[in-house]
PDB file of all heavy atoms in Angstrom:
ATOM      1  N   PRO A   1      10.990  46.498  12.445  1.00  0.00           N
ATOM      2  CA  PRO A   1      10.410  47.820  12.741  1.00  0.00           C
ATOM      3  C   PRO A   1      10.038  47.890  14.233  1.00  0.00           C
ATOM      4  O   PRO A   1       9.676  46.868  14.855  1.00  0.00           O
ATOM      5  CB  PRO A   1       9.142  47.847  11.848  1.00  0.00           C
ATOM      6  CG  PRO A   1       9.421  46.820  10.794  1.00  0.00           C
ATOM      7  CD  PRO A   1      10.266  45.773  11.398  1.00  0.00           C
ATOM      8  N   GLU A   2      10.034  49.074  14.749  1.00  0.00           N
ATOM      9  CA  GLU A   2       9.817  49.256  16.193  1.00  0.00           C
ATOM     10  C   GLU A   2       8.438  48.719  16.649  1.00  0.00           C
ATOM     11  O   GLU A   2       8.313  48.074  17.686  1.00  0.00           O
ATOM     12  CB  GLU A   2       9.896  50.747  16.565  1.00  0.00           C
ATOM     13  CG  GLU A   2       9.793  51.056  18.046  1.00  0.00           C
ATOM     14  CD  GLU A   2       9.983  52.503  18.398  1.00  0.00           C
ATOM     15  OE1 GLU A   2      10.381  53.290  17.523  1.00  0.00           O
ATOM     16  OE2 GLU A   2       9.758  52.877  19.558  1.00  0.00           O
ATOM     17  N   ALA A   3       7.412  48.960  15.818  1.00  0.00           N
ATOM     18  CA  ALA A   3       6.052  48.497  16.154  1.00  0.00           C
ATOM     19  C   ALA A   3       6.022  46.991  16.229  1.00  0.00           C
ATOM     20  O   ALA A   3       5.304  46.396  17.048  1.00  0.00           O
ATOM     21  CB  ALA A   3       5.061  48.993  15.127  1.00  0.00           C
ATOM     22  N   VAL A   4       6.785  46.312  15.395  1.00  0.00           N
ATOM     23  CA  VAL A   4       6.795  44.846  15.427  1.00  0.00           C
ATOM     24  C   VAL A   4       7.567  44.329  16.621  1.00  0.00           C
ATOM     25  O   VAL A   4       7.168  43.333  17.258  1.00  0.00           O
ATOM     26  CB  VAL A   4       7.433  44.321  14.128  1.00  0.00           C
ATOM     27  CG1 VAL A   4       7.632  42.792  14.193  1.00  0.00           C
ATOM     28  CG2 VAL A   4       6.573  44.683  12.900  1.00  0.00           C
ATOM     29  N   ARG A   5       8.645  44.984  17.019  1.00  0.00           N
ATOM     30  CA  ARG A   5       9.432  44.593  18.185  1.00  0.00           C
ATOM     31  C   ARG A   5       8.617  44.644  19.470  1.00  0.00           C
ATOM     32  O   ARG A   5       8.922  43.917  20.418  1.00  0.00           O
ATOM     33  CB  ARG A   5      10.669  45.495  18.335  1.00  0.00           C
ATOM     34  CG  ARG A   5      11.702  45.283  17.333  1.00  0.00           C
ATOM     35  CD  ARG A   5      13.074  45.805  17.816  1.00  0.00           C
ATOM     36  NE  ARG A   5      13.028  47.241  18.136  1.00  0.00           N
ATOM     37  CZ  ARG A   5      13.242  48.230  17.328  1.00  0.00           C
ATOM     38  NH1 ARG A   5      13.568  47.989  16.036  1.00  0.00           N
ATOM     39  NH2 ARG A   5      13.210  49.522  17.717  1.00  0.00           N
ATOM     40  N   ALA A   6       7.601  45.494  19.531  1.00  0.00           N
ATOM     41  CA  ALA A   6       6.812  45.654  20.764  1.00  0.00           C
ATOM     42  C   ALA A   6       5.906  44.470  21.009  1.00  0.00           C
ATOM     43  O   ALA A   6       5.335  44.362  22.110  1.00  0.00           O
ATOM     44  CB  ALA A   6       5.996  46.945  20.670  1.00  0.00           C
ATOM     45  N   ASP A   7       5.710  43.577  20.114  1.00  0.00           N
ATOM     46  CA  ASP A   7       4.832  42.447  20.267  1.00  0.00           C
ATOM     47  C   ASP A   7       5.380  41.532  21.380  1.00  0.00           C
ATOM     48  O   ASP A   7       6.528  41.071  21.292  1.00  0.00           O
ATOM     49  CB  ASP A   7       4.687  41.643  18.945  1.00  0.00           C
ATOM     50  CG  ASP A   7       3.565  40.648  18.987  1.00  0.00           C
ATOM     51  OD1 ASP A   7       3.512  39.843  19.906  1.00  0.00           O
ATOM     52  OD2 ASP A   7       2.730  40.694  18.068  1.00  0.00           O
ATOM     53  N   PRO A   8       4.598  41.201  22.431  1.00  0.00           N
ATOM     54  CA  PRO A   8       5.114  40.386  23.535  1.00  0.00           C
ATOM     55  C   PRO A   8       5.447  38.991  23.138  1.00  0.00           C
ATOM     56  O   PRO A   8       6.137  38.276  23.881  1.00  0.00           O
ATOM     57  CB  PRO A   8       3.950  40.376  24.552  1.00  0.00           C
ATOM     58  CG  PRO A   8       2.729  40.719  23.736  1.00  0.00           C
ATOM     59  CD  PRO A   8       3.203  41.615  22.644  1.00  0.00           C
ATOM     60  N   ARG A   9       5.047  38.522  21.966  1.00  0.00           N
ATOM     61  CA  ARG A   9       5.397  37.125  21.537  1.00  0.00           C
ATOM     62  C   ARG A   9       6.870  36.974  21.314  1.00  0.00           C
ATOM     63  O   ARG A   9       7.384  35.845  21.424  1.00  0.00           O
ATOM     64  CB  ARG A   9       4.609  36.773  20.276  1.00  0.00           C
ATOM     65  CG  ARG A   9       3.125  36.564  20.540  1.00  0.00           C
ATOM     66  CD  ARG A   9       2.355  36.289  19.269  1.00  0.00           C
ATOM     67  NE  ARG A   9       2.380  37.413  18.340  1.00  0.00           N
ATOM     68  CZ  ARG A   9       1.882  37.431  17.121  1.00  0.00           C
ATOM     69  NH1 ARG A   9       1.323  36.335  16.660  1.00  0.00           N
ATOM     70  NH2 ARG A   9       1.888  38.521  16.355  1.00  0.00           N
ATOM     71  N   TRP A  10       7.606  38.068  21.043  1.00  0.00           N
ATOM     72  CA  TRP A  10       9.052  37.946  20.854  1.00  0.00           C
ATOM     73  C   TRP A  10       9.742  37.561  22.173  1.00  0.00           C
ATOM     74  O   TRP A  10      10.852  37.044  22.133  1.00  0.00           O
ATOM     75  CB  TRP A  10       9.630  39.248  20.312  1.00  0.00           C
ATOM     76  CG  TRP A  10       9.171  39.581  18.932  1.00  0.00           C
ATOM     77  CD1 TRP A  10       8.275  40.560  18.591  1.00  0.00           C
ATOM     78  CD2 TRP A  10       9.522  38.873  17.749  1.00  0.00           C
ATOM     79  NE1 TRP A  10       8.098  40.524  17.197  1.00  0.00           N
ATOM     80  CE2 TRP A  10       8.809  39.525  16.680  1.00  0.00           C
ATOM     81  CE3 TRP A  10      10.334  37.809  17.456  1.00  0.00           C
ATOM     82  CZ2 TRP A  10       8.937  39.106  15.345  1.00  0.00           C
ATOM     83  CZ3 TRP A  10      10.455  37.383  16.136  1.00  0.00           C
ATOM     84  CH2 TRP A  10       9.752  38.019  15.089  1.00  0.00           C
ATOM     85  N   GLN A  11       9.076  37.887  23.284  1.00  0.00           N
ATOM     86  CA  GLN A  11       9.680  37.520  24.587  1.00  0.00           C
ATOM     87  C   GLN A  11       9.210  36.138  25.036  1.00  0.00           C
ATOM     88  O   GLN A  11       9.525  35.716  26.149  1.00  0.00           O
ATOM     89  CB  GLN A  11       9.273  38.580  25.628  1.00  0.00           C
ATOM     90  CG  GLN A  11       9.487  40.021  25.210  1.00  0.00           C
ATOM     91  CD  GLN A  11      10.928  40.247  24.765  1.00  0.00           C
ATOM     92  OE1 GLN A  11      11.874  39.749  25.355  1.00  0.00           O
ATOM     93  NE2 GLN A  11      11.099  41.035  23.686  1.00  0.00           N
ATOM     94  N   LEU A  12       8.491  35.426  24.182  1.00  0.00           N
ATOM     95  CA  LEU A  12       7.926  34.101  24.511  1.00  0.00           C
ATOM     96  C   LEU A  12       7.119  34.196  25.825  1.00  0.00           C
ATOM     97  O   LEU A  12       7.207  33.369  26.719  1.00  0.00           O
ATOM     98  CB  LEU A  12       9.000  33.052  24.646  1.00  0.00           C
ATOM     99  CG  LEU A  12       9.563  32.498  23.336  1.00  0.00           C
ATOM    100  CD1 LEU A  12      10.439  33.524  22.603  1.00  0.00           C
ATOM    101  CD2 LEU A  12      10.366  31.226  23.548  1.00  0.00           C
ATOM    102  N   SER A  13       6.349  35.284  25.909  1.00  0.00           N
ATOM    103  CA  SER A  13       5.552  35.570  27.125  1.00  0.00           C
ATOM    104  C   SER A  13       4.419  34.550  27.209  1.00  0.00           C
ATOM    105  O   SER A  13       3.675  34.284  26.267  1.00  0.00           O
ATOM    106  CB  SER A  13       4.967  36.982  27.050  1.00  0.00           C
ATOM    107  OG  SER A  13       3.903  37.130  27.916  1.00  0.00           O
ATOM    108  N   GLU A  14       4.273  33.995  28.426  1.00  0.00           N
ATOM    109  CA  GLU A  14       3.208  33.051  28.641  1.00  0.00           C
ATOM    110  C   GLU A  14       1.845  33.679  28.477  1.00  0.00           C
ATOM    111  O   GLU A  14       0.899  33.086  27.922  1.00  0.00           O
ATOM    112  CB  GLU A  14       3.298  32.442  30.052  1.00  0.00           C
ATOM    113  CG  GLU A  14       2.363  31.280  30.274  1.00  0.00           C
ATOM    114  CD  GLU A  14       2.714  30.491  31.525  1.00  0.00           C
ATOM    115  OE1 GLU A  14       3.814  30.701  32.076  1.00  0.00           O
ATOM    116  OE2 GLU A  14       1.898  29.664  31.944  1.00  0.00           O
ATOM    117  N   ASP A  15       1.733  34.983  28.847  1.00  0.00           N
ATOM    118  CA  ASP A  15       0.435  35.704  28.676  1.00  0.00           C
ATOM    119  C   ASP A  15       0.071  35.792  27.225  1.00  0.00           C
ATOM    120  O   ASP A  15      -1.132  35.746  26.877  1.00  0.00           O
ATOM    121  CB  ASP A  15       0.537  37.083  29.313  1.00  0.00           C
ATOM    122  CG  ASP A  15       0.619  37.034  30.804  1.00  0.00           C
ATOM    123  OD1 ASP A  15       0.286  35.959  31.386  1.00  0.00           O
ATOM    124  OD2 ASP A  15       1.001  38.037  31.408  1.00  0.00           O
ATOM    125  N   ALA A  16       1.052  35.952  26.342  1.00  0.00           N
ATOM    126  CA  ALA A  16       0.731  36.108  24.899  1.00  0.00           C
ATOM    127  C   ALA A  16       0.184  34.819  24.310  1.00  0.00           C
ATOM    128  O   ALA A  16      -0.477  34.898  23.266  1.00  0.00           O
ATOM    129  CB  ALA A  16       2.014  36.516  24.156  1.00  0.00           C
ATOM    130  N   TYR A  17       0.404  33.725  24.942  1.00  0.00           N
ATOM    131  CA  TYR A  17      -0.078  32.443  24.424  1.00  0.00           C
ATOM    132  C   TYR A  17      -0.992  31.718  25.397  1.00  0.00           C
ATOM    133  O   TYR A  17      -1.106  30.526  25.377  1.00  0.00           O
ATOM    134  CB  TYR A  17       1.129  31.528  24.099  1.00  0.00           C
ATOM    135  CG  TYR A  17       2.028  32.068  23.025  1.00  0.00           C
ATOM    136  CD1 TYR A  17       3.174  32.785  23.329  1.00  0.00           C
ATOM    137  CD2 TYR A  17       1.708  31.885  21.680  1.00  0.00           C
ATOM    138  CE1 TYR A  17       3.999  33.292  22.333  1.00  0.00           C
ATOM    139  CE2 TYR A  17       2.511  32.375  20.685  1.00  0.00           C
ATOM    140  CZ  TYR A  17       3.662  33.091  20.997  1.00  0.00           C
ATOM    141  OH  TYR A  17       4.457  33.589  19.997  1.00  0.00           O
ATOM    142  N   HIS A  18      -1.636  32.518  26.278  1.00  0.00           N
ATOM    143  CA  HIS A  18      -2.389  31.927  27.355  1.00  0.00           C
ATOM    144  C   HIS A  18      -3.475  30.967  26.852  1.00  0.00           C
ATOM    145  O   HIS A  18      -3.566  29.833  27.344  1.00  0.00           O
ATOM    146  CB  HIS A  18      -3.035  33.017  28.195  1.00  0.00           C
ATOM    147  CG  HIS A  18      -3.872  32.530  29.321  1.00  0.00           C
ATOM    148  ND1 HIS A  18      -3.317  32.004  30.464  1.00  0.00           N
ATOM    149  CD2 HIS A  18      -5.242  32.423  29.468  1.00  0.00           C
ATOM    150  CE1 HIS A  18      -4.270  31.633  31.289  1.00  0.00           C
ATOM    151  NE2 HIS A  18      -5.461  31.874  30.695  1.00  0.00           N
ATOM    152  N   ALA A  19      -4.248  31.376  25.851  1.00  0.00           N
ATOM    153  CA  ALA A  19      -5.314  30.515  25.369  1.00  0.00           C
ATOM    154  C   ALA A  19      -4.809  29.201  24.804  1.00  0.00           C
ATOM    155  O   ALA A  19      -5.362  28.156  25.089  1.00  0.00           O
ATOM    156  CB  ALA A  19      -6.163  31.287  24.334  1.00  0.00           C
ATOM    157  N   GLU A  20      -3.749  29.275  24.030  1.00  0.00           N
ATOM    158  CA  GLU A  20      -3.197  28.069  23.425  1.00  0.00           C
ATOM    159  C   GLU A  20      -2.606  27.129  24.467  1.00  0.00           C
ATOM    160  O   GLU A  20      -2.786  25.908  24.398  1.00  0.00           O
ATOM    161  CB  GLU A  20      -2.107  28.425  22.410  1.00  0.00           C
ATOM    162  CG  GLU A  20      -2.638  29.093  21.125  1.00  0.00           C
ATOM    163  CD  GLU A  20      -2.714  30.607  21.256  1.00  0.00           C
ATOM    164  OE1 GLU A  20      -2.592  31.109  22.436  1.00  0.00           O
ATOM    165  OE2 GLU A  20      -2.881  31.285  20.230  1.00  0.00           O
ATOM    166  N   LEU A  21      -1.886  27.709  25.434  1.00  0.00           N
ATOM    167  CA  LEU A  21      -1.252  26.890  26.471  1.00  0.00           C
ATOM    168  C   LEU A  21      -2.276  26.212  27.376  1.00  0.00           C
ATOM    169  O   LEU A  21      -2.091  25.056  27.795  1.00  0.00           O
ATOM    170  CB  LEU A  21      -0.287  27.703  27.281  1.00  0.00           C
ATOM    171  CG  LEU A  21       0.926  28.254  26.524  1.00  0.00           C
ATOM    172  CD1 LEU A  21       1.714  29.246  27.356  1.00  0.00           C
ATOM    173  CD2 LEU A  21       1.827  27.110  26.056  1.00  0.00           C
ATOM    174  N   ILE A  22      -3.359  26.893  27.637  1.00  0.00           N
ATOM    175  CA  ILE A  22      -4.426  26.330  28.487  1.00  0.00           C
ATOM    176  C   ILE A  22      -5.128  25.168  27.713  1.00  0.00           C
ATOM    177  O   ILE A  22      -5.438  24.134  28.325  1.00  0.00           O
ATOM    178  CB  ILE A  22      -5.448  27.384  28.903  1.00  0.00           C
ATOM    179  CG1 ILE A  22      -4.850  28.353  29.927  1.00  0.00           C
ATOM    180  CG2 ILE A  22      -6.734  26.753  29.463  1.00  0.00           C
ATOM    181  CD1 ILE A  22      -4.453  27.718  31.241  1.00  0.00           C
ATOM    182  N   ARG A  23      -5.308  25.400  26.445  1.00  0.00           N
ATOM    183  CA  ARG A  23      -5.996  24.395  25.623  1.00  0.00           C
ATOM    184  C   ARG A  23      -5.160  23.170  25.444  1.00  0.00           C
ATOM    185  O   ARG A  23      -5.670  22.037  25.340  1.00  0.00           O
ATOM    186  CB  ARG A  23      -6.356  25.050  24.297  1.00  0.00           C
ATOM    187  CG  ARG A  23      -7.561  24.415  23.595  1.00  0.00           C
ATOM    188  CD  ARG A  23      -8.173  25.320  22.531  1.00  0.00           C
ATOM    189  NE  ARG A  23      -7.153  25.959  21.674  1.00  0.00           N
ATOM    190  CZ  ARG A  23      -7.125  27.246  21.456  1.00  0.00           C
ATOM    191  NH1 ARG A  23      -8.010  28.055  22.033  1.00  0.00           N
ATOM    192  NH2 ARG A  23      -6.192  27.766  20.660  1.00  0.00           N
ATOM    193  N   GLY A  24      -3.833  23.337  25.377  1.00  0.00           N
ATOM    194  CA  GLY A  24      -2.925  22.176  25.228  1.00  0.00           C
ATOM    195  C   GLY A  24      -2.814  21.702  23.773  1.00  0.00           C
ATOM    196  O   GLY A  24      -3.246  22.416  22.828  1.00  0.00           O
ATOM    197  N   ARG A  25      -2.236  20.583  23.593  1.00  0.00           N
ATOM    198  CA  ARG A  25      -2.036  20.057  22.256  1.00  0.00           C
ATOM    199  C   ARG A  25      -3.353  19.841  21.567  1.00  0.00           C
ATOM    200  O   ARG A  25      -4.313  19.297  22.122  1.00  0.00           O
ATOM    201  CB  ARG A  25      -1.253  18.732  22.312  1.00  0.00           C
ATOM    202  CG  ARG A  25      -0.961  18.125  20.925  1.00  0.00           C
ATOM    203  CD  ARG A  25      -0.306  16.749  21.085  1.00  0.00           C
ATOM    204  NE  ARG A  25      -0.299  16.055  19.837  1.00  0.00           N
ATOM    205  CZ  ARG A  25       0.690  15.952  18.974  1.00  0.00           C
ATOM    206  NH1 ARG A  25       1.841  16.556  19.279  1.00  0.00           N
ATOM    207  NH2 ARG A  25       0.601  15.288  17.865  1.00  0.00           N
ATOM    208  N   SER A  26      -3.433  20.197  20.286  1.00  0.00           N
ATOM    209  CA  SER A  26      -4.685  20.133  19.538  1.00  0.00           C
ATOM    210  C   SER A  26      -5.069  18.653  19.325  1.00  0.00           C
ATOM    211  O   SER A  26      -4.249  17.846  18.884  1.00  0.00           O
ATOM    212  CB  SER A  26      -4.501  20.795  18.162  1.00  0.00           C
ATOM    213  OG  SER A  26      -4.211  22.160  18.280  1.00  0.00           O
ATOM    214  N   PRO A  27      -6.332  18.327  19.613  1.00  0.00           N
ATOM    215  CA  PRO A  27      -6.820  17.007  19.254  1.00  0.00           C
ATOM    216  C   PRO A  27      -6.991  16.976  17.741  1.00  0.00           C
ATOM    217  O   PRO A  27      -7.349  17.934  17.094  1.00  0.00           O
ATOM    218  CB  PRO A  27      -8.193  16.908  19.951  1.00  0.00           C
ATOM    219  CG  PRO A  27      -8.644  18.344  20.096  1.00  0.00           C
ATOM    220  CD  PRO A  27      -7.376  19.151  20.270  1.00  0.00           C
ATOM    221  N   LEU A  28      -6.725  15.813  17.148  1.00  0.00           N
ATOM    222  CA  LEU A  28      -6.792  15.639  15.710  1.00  0.00           C
ATOM    223  C   LEU A  28      -8.077  14.905  15.241  1.00  0.00           C
ATOM    224  O   LEU A  28      -8.233  14.634  14.055  1.00  0.00           O
ATOM    225  CB  LEU A  28      -5.573  14.910  15.171  1.00  0.00           C
ATOM    226  CG  LEU A  28      -4.207  15.587  15.525  1.00  0.00           C
ATOM    227  CD1 LEU A  28      -3.072  14.815  14.893  1.00  0.00           C
ATOM    228  CD2 LEU A  28      -4.189  17.055  15.081  1.00  0.00           C
ATOM    229  N   ASP A  29      -8.916  14.591  16.222  1.00  0.00           N
ATOM    230  CA  ASP A  29     -10.153  13.806  15.851  1.00  0.00           C
ATOM    231  C   ASP A  29     -11.359  14.364  16.551  1.00  0.00           C
ATOM    232  O   ASP A  29     -12.280  13.593  16.863  1.00  0.00           O
ATOM    233  CB  ASP A  29      -9.951  12.330  16.181  1.00  0.00           C
ATOM    234  CG  ASP A  29      -9.571  12.088  17.652  1.00  0.00           C
ATOM    235  OD1 ASP A  29      -9.438  13.109  18.392  1.00  0.00           O
ATOM    236  OD2 ASP A  29      -9.445  10.937  18.052  1.00  0.00           O
ATOM    237  N   ASP A  30     -11.395  15.674  16.789  1.00  0.00           N
ATOM    238  CA  ASP A  30     -12.566  16.257  17.437  1.00  0.00           C
ATOM    239  C   ASP A  30     -13.787  16.103  16.541  1.00  0.00           C
ATOM    240  O   ASP A  30     -13.769  16.525  15.378  1.00  0.00           O
ATOM    241  CB  ASP A  30     -12.269  17.756  17.710  1.00  0.00           C
ATOM    242  CG  ASP A  30     -13.440  18.445  18.393  1.00  0.00           C
ATOM    243  OD1 ASP A  30     -14.364  18.884  17.681  1.00  0.00           O
ATOM    244  OD2 ASP A  30     -13.450  18.496  19.627  1.00  0.00           O
ATOM    245  N   PRO A  31     -14.901  15.532  17.043  1.00  0.00           N
ATOM    246  CA  PRO A  31     -16.061  15.256  16.178  1.00  0.00           C
ATOM    247  C   PRO A  31     -16.651  16.497  15.512  1.00  0.00           C
ATOM    248  O   PRO A  31     -17.000  16.496  14.328  1.00  0.00           O
ATOM    249  CB  PRO A  31     -17.063  14.621  17.145  1.00  0.00           C
ATOM    250  CG  PRO A  31     -16.224  14.050  18.230  1.00  0.00           C
ATOM    251  CD  PRO A  31     -15.091  14.973  18.419  1.00  0.00           C
ATOM    252  N   GLU A  32     -16.749  17.578  16.286  1.00  0.00           N
ATOM    253  CA  GLU A  32     -17.304  18.793  15.676  1.00  0.00           C
ATOM    254  C   GLU A  32     -16.419  19.364  14.621  1.00  0.00           C
ATOM    255  O   GLU A  32     -16.874  19.902  13.575  1.00  0.00           O
ATOM    256  CB  GLU A  32     -17.589  19.834  16.769  1.00  0.00           C
ATOM    257  CG  GLU A  32     -18.728  19.428  17.706  1.00  0.00           C
ATOM    258  CD  GLU A  32     -19.051  20.512  18.714  1.00  0.00           C
ATOM    259  OE1 GLU A  32     -18.424  21.578  18.667  1.00  0.00           O
ATOM    260  OE2 GLU A  32     -19.954  20.249  19.519  1.00  0.00           O
ATOM    261  N   GLU A  33     -15.090  19.293  14.807  1.00  0.00           N
ATOM    262  CA  GLU A  33     -14.165  19.794  13.842  1.00  0.00           C
ATOM    263  C   GLU A  33     -14.133  18.870  12.594  1.00  0.00           C
ATOM    264  O   GLU A  33     -13.957  19.350  11.467  1.00  0.00           O
ATOM    265  CB  GLU A  33     -12.752  19.879  14.428  1.00  0.00           C
ATOM    266  CG  GLU A  33     -12.636  20.996  15.485  1.00  0.00           C
ATOM    267  CD  GLU A  33     -11.259  21.110  16.101  1.00  0.00           C
ATOM    268  OE1 GLU A  33     -10.290  20.603  15.483  1.00  0.00           O
ATOM    269  OE2 GLU A  33     -11.138  21.698  17.187  1.00  0.00           O
ATOM    270  N   LEU A  34     -14.331  17.566  12.793  1.00  0.00           N
ATOM    271  CA  LEU A  34     -14.444  16.657  11.654  1.00  0.00           C
ATOM    272  C   LEU A  34     -15.679  16.989  10.825  1.00  0.00           C
ATOM    273  O   LEU A  34     -15.660  16.953   9.572  1.00  0.00           O
ATOM    274  CB  LEU A  34     -14.470  15.214  12.149  1.00  0.00           C
ATOM    275  CG  LEU A  34     -13.139  14.620  12.603  1.00  0.00           C
ATOM    276  CD1 LEU A  34     -13.318  13.348  13.360  1.00  0.00           C
ATOM    277  CD2 LEU A  34     -12.217  14.384  11.412  1.00  0.00           C
TER     278      LEU A  34
END
């Protein structure tokens, strides 16, 4: 659908994933998350 195509994530835009890319790979032993 046209509305879905407009999502910038389809272009693999760095801006669309800015928070995740800045944070980097998820730690698997974060004390607060444990």
